[in-house]
Amino acid sequence: MNTPPHPPLEGPTPTATGLSIAEPAPATDCGGALKVVAEGVPFAVRPDLRGDDGRRPVAWLDIAAPGRGITPSVRSWCACGRDLFAAGQRRALALIDDHVRHRAICPLLVSQEGKAA
């Protein structure tokens, strides 16, 4: 059995001897029209699966409670302009309760009620 020799695994890559220009193949069913897209390549625009559903964050509550011996802190933000900060366990718990009450009365959140449903 005689097998052809394999190209060397190391060393310079052999260069092509001549240059050729790629040309589109003529289509066989459209009277000689040129092919624009390679076969098997989807050319239709697909819908964005990560599309925007219109929802935006309006109110945020950031709680940092790192552990024993370290003071917890809370920050409450809202797109209506609310920006409150509290440090210490008692004040942090009070701000969390206040943030929940604010979400029930904020004009930006109340007007959006029912849109997501």
N, C-alpha and C. Protein backbone atom coordinates (compact mmCIF):
# COMPACT_ATOMS: atom_id res chain seq x y z
N MET A 1 0.85 -1.17 0.00
CA MET A 1 0.00 0.00 0.00
C MET A 1 0.89 1.23 0.00
N ASN A 2 0.63 2.09 -0.93
CA ASN A 2 1.46 3.28 -1.10
C ASN A 2 0.61 4.50 -0.77
N THR A 3 0.90 5.23 0.33
CA THR A 3 0.15 6.43 0.73
C THR A 3 0.95 7.66 0.38
N PRO A 4 0.26 8.74 -0.01
CA PRO A 4 0.98 9.98 -0.32
C PRO A 4 1.61 10.56 0.94
N PRO A 5 2.73 11.23 0.83
CA PRO A 5 3.39 11.80 2.01
C PRO A 5 2.55 12.95 2.59
N HIS A 6 2.57 13.06 3.90
CA HIS A 6 1.86 14.15 4.60
C HIS A 6 2.73 15.40 4.58
N PRO A 7 2.09 16.60 4.55
CA PRO A 7 2.89 17.82 4.63
C PRO A 7 3.55 17.92 6.00
N PRO A 8 4.66 18.56 6.10
CA PRO A 8 5.34 18.67 7.40
C PRO A 8 4.48 19.44 8.40
N LEU A 9 4.53 19.02 9.67
CA LEU A 9 3.74 19.67 10.71
C LEU A 9 4.38 20.97 11.18
N GLU A 10 5.65 21.10 11.03
CA GLU A 10 6.34 22.31 11.46
C GLU A 10 7.02 22.95 10.27
N GLY A 11 7.33 24.20 10.39
CA GLY A 11 8.03 24.89 9.32
C GLY A 11 7.12 25.86 8.59
N PRO A 12 7.65 26.52 7.58
CA PRO A 12 6.84 27.51 6.86
C PRO A 12 5.75 26.84 6.03
N THR A 13 4.64 27.54 5.90
CA THR A 13 3.52 27.05 5.10
C THR A 13 3.83 27.27 3.63
N PRO A 14 3.62 26.25 2.79
CA PRO A 14 3.89 26.44 1.36
C PRO A 14 2.95 27.47 0.77
N THR A 15 3.44 28.32 -0.11
CA THR A 15 2.62 29.37 -0.71
C THR A 15 2.04 28.89 -2.02
N ALA A 16 0.92 29.47 -2.40
CA ALA A 16 0.28 29.12 -3.66
C ALA A 16 1.13 29.65 -4.82
N THR A 17 1.07 28.93 -5.93
CA THR A 17 1.90 29.33 -7.06
C THR A 17 1.27 30.42 -7.89
N GLY A 18 -0.02 30.51 -7.92
CA GLY A 18 -0.65 31.54 -8.73
C GLY A 18 -1.83 32.16 -8.00
N LEU A 19 -2.23 33.34 -8.41
CA LEU A 19 -3.37 34.02 -7.80
C LEU A 19 -4.60 33.78 -8.65
N SER A 20 -5.75 33.60 -7.98
CA SER A 20 -7.01 33.47 -8.71
C SER A 20 -8.05 34.32 -8.01
N ILE A 21 -8.95 34.88 -8.76
CA ILE A 21 -10.00 35.74 -8.24
C ILE A 21 -11.27 34.93 -8.14
N ALA A 22 -11.93 34.97 -7.00
CA ALA A 22 -13.18 34.25 -6.82
C ALA A 22 -14.28 34.97 -7.57
N GLU A 23 -15.04 34.23 -8.32
CA GLU A 23 -16.15 34.79 -9.08
C GLU A 23 -17.43 34.10 -8.66
N PRO A 24 -18.56 34.83 -8.64
CA PRO A 24 -19.82 34.19 -8.27
C PRO A 24 -20.25 33.21 -9.35
N ALA A 25 -20.84 32.10 -8.90
CA ALA A 25 -21.31 31.10 -9.84
C ALA A 25 -22.65 31.53 -10.41
N PRO A 26 -22.90 31.32 -11.69
CA PRO A 26 -24.19 31.69 -12.26
C PRO A 26 -25.29 30.76 -11.76
N ALA A 27 -26.44 31.33 -11.48
CA ALA A 27 -27.59 30.54 -11.03
C ALA A 27 -28.13 29.74 -12.21
N THR A 28 -28.63 28.56 -11.93
CA THR A 28 -29.09 27.69 -13.01
C THR A 28 -30.57 27.87 -13.31
N ASP A 29 -31.35 28.43 -12.36
CA ASP A 29 -32.79 28.49 -12.58
C ASP A 29 -33.29 29.88 -12.98
N CYS A 30 -32.49 30.88 -13.01
CA CYS A 30 -32.96 32.24 -13.28
C CYS A 30 -32.36 32.80 -14.56
N GLY A 31 -32.03 31.98 -15.49
CA GLY A 31 -31.53 32.48 -16.76
C GLY A 31 -30.18 33.14 -16.67
N GLY A 32 -29.27 32.63 -15.89
CA GLY A 32 -27.92 33.16 -15.86
C GLY A 32 -27.69 34.27 -14.85
N ALA A 33 -28.62 34.51 -13.92
CA ALA A 33 -28.41 35.54 -12.90
C ALA A 33 -27.33 35.09 -11.94
N LEU A 34 -26.58 36.02 -11.38
CA LEU A 34 -25.50 35.70 -10.46
C LEU A 34 -26.05 35.35 -9.08
N LYS A 35 -25.40 34.39 -8.42
CA LYS A 35 -25.77 34.07 -7.05
C LYS A 35 -25.20 35.13 -6.13
N VAL A 36 -25.99 35.59 -5.20
CA VAL A 36 -25.54 36.62 -4.28
C VAL A 36 -25.20 36.02 -2.92
N VAL A 37 -25.93 34.99 -2.51
CA VAL A 37 -25.75 34.39 -1.20
C VAL A 37 -25.35 32.94 -1.38
N ALA A 38 -24.43 32.48 -0.56
CA ALA A 38 -24.01 31.09 -0.63
C ALA A 38 -25.16 30.19 -0.21
N GLU A 39 -25.20 29.00 -0.76
CA GLU A 39 -26.27 28.07 -0.43
C GLU A 39 -26.16 27.66 1.03
N GLY A 40 -27.30 27.56 1.70
CA GLY A 40 -27.32 27.16 3.10
C GLY A 40 -27.11 28.28 4.08
N VAL A 41 -26.88 29.48 3.62
CA VAL A 41 -26.67 30.62 4.51
C VAL A 41 -27.99 31.38 4.63
N PRO A 42 -28.54 31.51 5.86
CA PRO A 42 -29.79 32.26 5.99
C PRO A 42 -29.58 33.73 5.69
N PHE A 43 -30.43 34.30 4.87
CA PHE A 43 -30.27 35.70 4.50
C PHE A 43 -31.40 36.56 5.01
N ALA A 44 -32.44 35.94 5.55
CA ALA A 44 -33.54 36.72 6.10
C ALA A 44 -33.15 37.26 7.47
N VAL A 45 -33.62 38.44 7.81
CA VAL A 45 -33.34 39.04 9.11
C VAL A 45 -34.26 38.38 10.13
N ARG A 46 -33.66 37.83 11.16
CA ARG A 46 -34.44 37.16 12.20
C ARG A 46 -34.78 38.14 13.31
N PRO A 47 -35.88 37.92 14.00
CA PRO A 47 -36.23 38.83 15.10
C PRO A 47 -35.23 38.71 16.23
N ASP A 48 -35.03 39.82 16.92
CA ASP A 48 -34.11 39.85 18.05
C ASP A 48 -34.76 39.14 19.23
N LEU A 49 -34.17 38.02 19.67
CA LEU A 49 -34.75 37.26 20.77
C LEU A 49 -34.59 37.97 22.10
N ARG A 50 -33.66 38.91 22.19
CA ARG A 50 -33.48 39.68 23.42
C ARG A 50 -34.18 41.02 23.29
N GLY A 51 -35.28 41.06 22.60
CA GLY A 51 -35.98 42.30 22.29
C GLY A 51 -36.43 43.07 23.52
N ASP A 52 -36.76 44.30 23.31
CA ASP A 52 -37.19 45.21 24.36
C ASP A 52 -38.68 45.01 24.59
N ASP A 53 -39.07 44.72 25.82
CA ASP A 53 -40.49 44.55 26.12
C ASP A 53 -41.11 45.81 26.71
N GLY A 54 -40.36 46.90 26.76
CA GLY A 54 -40.90 48.18 27.21
C GLY A 54 -40.80 48.42 28.70
N ARG A 55 -40.41 47.43 29.47
CA ARG A 55 -40.32 47.61 30.92
C ARG A 55 -38.99 48.29 31.27
N ARG A 56 -39.02 49.18 32.22
CA ARG A 56 -37.83 49.89 32.68
C ARG A 56 -37.82 49.89 34.21
N PRO A 57 -36.64 49.80 34.82
CA PRO A 57 -36.59 49.91 36.27
C PRO A 57 -36.93 51.33 36.70
N VAL A 58 -37.75 51.44 37.71
CA VAL A 58 -38.18 52.76 38.19
C VAL A 58 -37.70 53.00 39.61
N ALA A 59 -37.76 51.99 40.46
CA ALA A 59 -37.37 52.14 41.86
C ALA A 59 -36.38 51.04 42.23
N TRP A 60 -35.31 51.42 42.94
CA TRP A 60 -34.28 50.48 43.36
C TRP A 60 -34.10 50.56 44.85
N LEU A 61 -33.76 49.43 45.44
CA LEU A 61 -33.44 49.36 46.85
C LEU A 61 -32.14 48.57 46.96
N ASP A 62 -31.07 49.22 47.40
CA ASP A 62 -29.76 48.59 47.52
C ASP A 62 -29.47 48.38 49.00
N ILE A 63 -29.36 47.11 49.41
CA ILE A 63 -29.13 46.76 50.81
C ILE A 63 -27.74 46.16 50.94
N ALA A 64 -26.92 46.71 51.83
CA ALA A 64 -25.59 46.17 52.10
C ALA A 64 -25.56 45.75 53.56
N ALA A 65 -25.58 44.44 53.79
CA ALA A 65 -25.52 43.89 55.13
C ALA A 65 -24.35 42.91 55.17
N PRO A 66 -23.12 43.41 55.34
CA PRO A 66 -21.94 42.58 55.18
C PRO A 66 -21.72 41.50 56.24
N GLY A 67 -22.19 41.64 57.44
CA GLY A 67 -22.00 40.61 58.45
C GLY A 67 -21.94 41.19 59.86
N ARG A 68 -21.52 40.35 60.78
CA ARG A 68 -21.47 40.75 62.19
C ARG A 68 -20.44 41.84 62.43
N GLY A 69 -20.81 42.77 63.25
CA GLY A 69 -19.89 43.82 63.64
C GLY A 69 -19.74 44.94 62.63
N ILE A 70 -20.40 44.84 61.49
CA ILE A 70 -20.31 45.87 60.46
C ILE A 70 -21.69 46.48 60.27
N THR A 71 -21.74 47.78 60.18
CA THR A 71 -23.02 48.50 60.09
C THR A 71 -23.69 48.27 58.74
N PRO A 72 -24.94 47.80 58.73
CA PRO A 72 -25.66 47.65 57.46
C PRO A 72 -26.08 49.01 56.93
N SER A 73 -26.24 49.09 55.62
CA SER A 73 -26.70 50.35 55.02
C SER A 73 -27.69 50.05 53.90
N VAL A 74 -28.55 51.02 53.64
CA VAL A 74 -29.60 50.89 52.62
C VAL A 74 -29.67 52.18 51.83
N ARG A 75 -29.84 52.06 50.52
CA ARG A 75 -30.06 53.23 49.67
C ARG A 75 -31.32 52.97 48.85
N SER A 76 -32.21 53.96 48.83
CA SER A 76 -33.48 53.86 48.10
C SER A 76 -33.49 54.91 47.00
N TRP A 77 -33.59 54.46 45.74
CA TRP A 77 -33.64 55.37 44.60
C TRP A 77 -34.97 55.19 43.89
N CYS A 78 -35.40 56.25 43.24
CA CYS A 78 -36.59 56.18 42.39
C CYS A 78 -36.41 57.17 41.24
N ALA A 79 -36.98 56.86 40.11
CA ALA A 79 -36.87 57.73 38.94
C ALA A 79 -37.60 59.05 39.15
N CYS A 80 -38.46 59.14 40.15
CA CYS A 80 -39.18 60.38 40.43
C CYS A 80 -38.29 61.40 41.12
N GLY A 81 -37.08 61.01 41.55
CA GLY A 81 -36.16 61.93 42.19
C GLY A 81 -35.80 61.54 43.61
N ARG A 82 -36.39 60.51 44.12
CA ARG A 82 -36.11 60.04 45.48
C ARG A 82 -34.71 59.43 45.53
N ASP A 83 -33.91 59.82 46.52
CA ASP A 83 -32.59 59.25 46.73
C ASP A 83 -32.28 59.39 48.22
N LEU A 84 -32.56 58.31 48.98
CA LEU A 84 -32.38 58.32 50.42
C LEU A 84 -31.37 57.26 50.83
N PHE A 85 -30.62 57.54 51.90
CA PHE A 85 -29.61 56.62 52.42
C PHE A 85 -29.79 56.50 53.92
N ALA A 86 -29.60 55.29 54.44
CA ALA A 86 -29.66 55.06 55.88
C ALA A 86 -28.58 54.06 56.27
N ALA A 87 -27.96 54.30 57.42
CA ALA A 87 -26.95 53.40 57.95
C ALA A 87 -27.35 52.99 59.36
N GLY A 88 -27.06 51.76 59.73
CA GLY A 88 -27.46 51.24 61.03
C GLY A 88 -28.69 50.35 60.87
N GLN A 89 -28.79 49.35 61.73
CA GLN A 89 -29.85 48.37 61.57
C GLN A 89 -31.24 48.98 61.71
N ARG A 90 -31.47 49.78 62.72
CA ARG A 90 -32.79 50.36 62.96
C ARG A 90 -33.19 51.30 61.82
N ARG A 91 -32.28 52.16 61.40
CA ARG A 91 -32.58 53.11 60.31
C ARG A 91 -32.73 52.38 58.97
N ALA A 92 -31.92 51.34 58.75
CA ALA A 92 -32.01 50.59 57.50
C ALA A 92 -33.37 49.91 57.38
N LEU A 93 -33.82 49.29 58.47
CA LEU A 93 -35.14 48.64 58.45
C LEU A 93 -36.26 49.65 58.23
N ALA A 94 -36.12 50.85 58.82
CA ALA A 94 -37.13 51.89 58.62
C ALA A 94 -37.15 52.37 57.16
N LEU A 95 -35.98 52.49 56.55
CA LEU A 95 -35.93 52.93 55.14
C LEU A 95 -36.49 51.85 54.21
N ILE A 96 -36.27 50.59 54.53
CA ILE A 96 -36.86 49.51 53.71
C ILE A 96 -38.38 49.59 53.76
N ASP A 97 -38.95 49.79 54.94
CA ASP A 97 -40.41 49.95 55.05
C ASP A 97 -40.89 51.18 54.30
N ASP A 98 -40.14 52.29 54.40
CA ASP A 98 -40.51 53.51 53.70
C ASP A 98 -40.44 53.31 52.18
N HIS A 99 -39.47 52.55 51.71
CA HIS A 99 -39.35 52.28 50.27
C HIS A 99 -40.57 51.50 49.77
N VAL A 100 -41.02 50.54 50.56
CA VAL A 100 -42.22 49.76 50.18
C VAL A 100 -43.43 50.68 50.11
N ARG A 101 -43.58 51.59 51.08
CA ARG A 101 -44.70 52.54 51.05
C ARG A 101 -44.59 53.47 49.84
N HIS A 102 -43.38 53.91 49.52
CA HIS A 102 -43.19 54.81 48.38
C HIS A 102 -43.60 54.13 47.08
N ARG A 103 -43.29 52.85 46.93
CA ARG A 103 -43.66 52.13 45.71
C ARG A 103 -45.18 52.08 45.53
N ALA A 104 -45.92 52.14 46.63
CA ALA A 104 -47.38 52.11 46.54
C ALA A 104 -47.98 53.46 46.16
N ILE A 105 -47.23 54.57 46.39
CA ILE A 105 -47.80 55.89 46.12
C ILE A 105 -47.06 56.68 45.04
N CYS A 106 -45.93 56.18 44.56
CA CYS A 106 -45.14 56.92 43.56
C CYS A 106 -45.94 57.07 42.27
N PRO A 107 -46.02 58.30 41.71
CA PRO A 107 -46.80 58.51 40.49
C PRO A 107 -46.24 57.75 39.29
N LEU A 108 -44.95 57.49 39.26
CA LEU A 108 -44.38 56.74 38.15
C LEU A 108 -44.75 55.27 38.20
N LEU A 109 -44.91 54.73 39.40
CA LEU A 109 -45.24 53.32 39.55
C LEU A 109 -46.75 53.09 39.52
N VAL A 110 -47.52 53.99 40.07
CA VAL A 110 -48.97 53.82 40.09
C VAL A 110 -49.54 53.90 38.68
N SER A 111 -49.00 54.79 37.84
CA SER A 111 -49.52 54.93 36.48
C SER A 111 -49.19 53.72 35.62
N GLN A 112 -48.17 52.91 36.00
CA GLN A 112 -47.80 51.73 35.23
C GLN A 112 -48.55 50.49 35.67
N GLU A 113 -49.35 50.59 36.71
CA GLU A 113 -50.08 49.42 37.20
C GLU A 113 -51.05 48.94 36.14
N GLY A 114 -51.00 47.68 35.84
CA GLY A 114 -51.89 47.10 34.83
C GLY A 114 -51.27 47.00 33.46
N LYS A 115 -50.18 47.74 33.18
CA LYS A 115 -49.54 47.67 31.87
C LYS A 115 -48.89 46.30 31.66
N ALA A 116 -48.26 45.77 32.70
CA ALA A 116 -47.57 44.48 32.58
C ALA A 116 -48.55 43.32 32.53
N ALA A 117 -49.74 43.52 33.04
CA ALA A 117 -50.73 42.44 33.05
C ALA A 117 -51.27 42.27 31.68
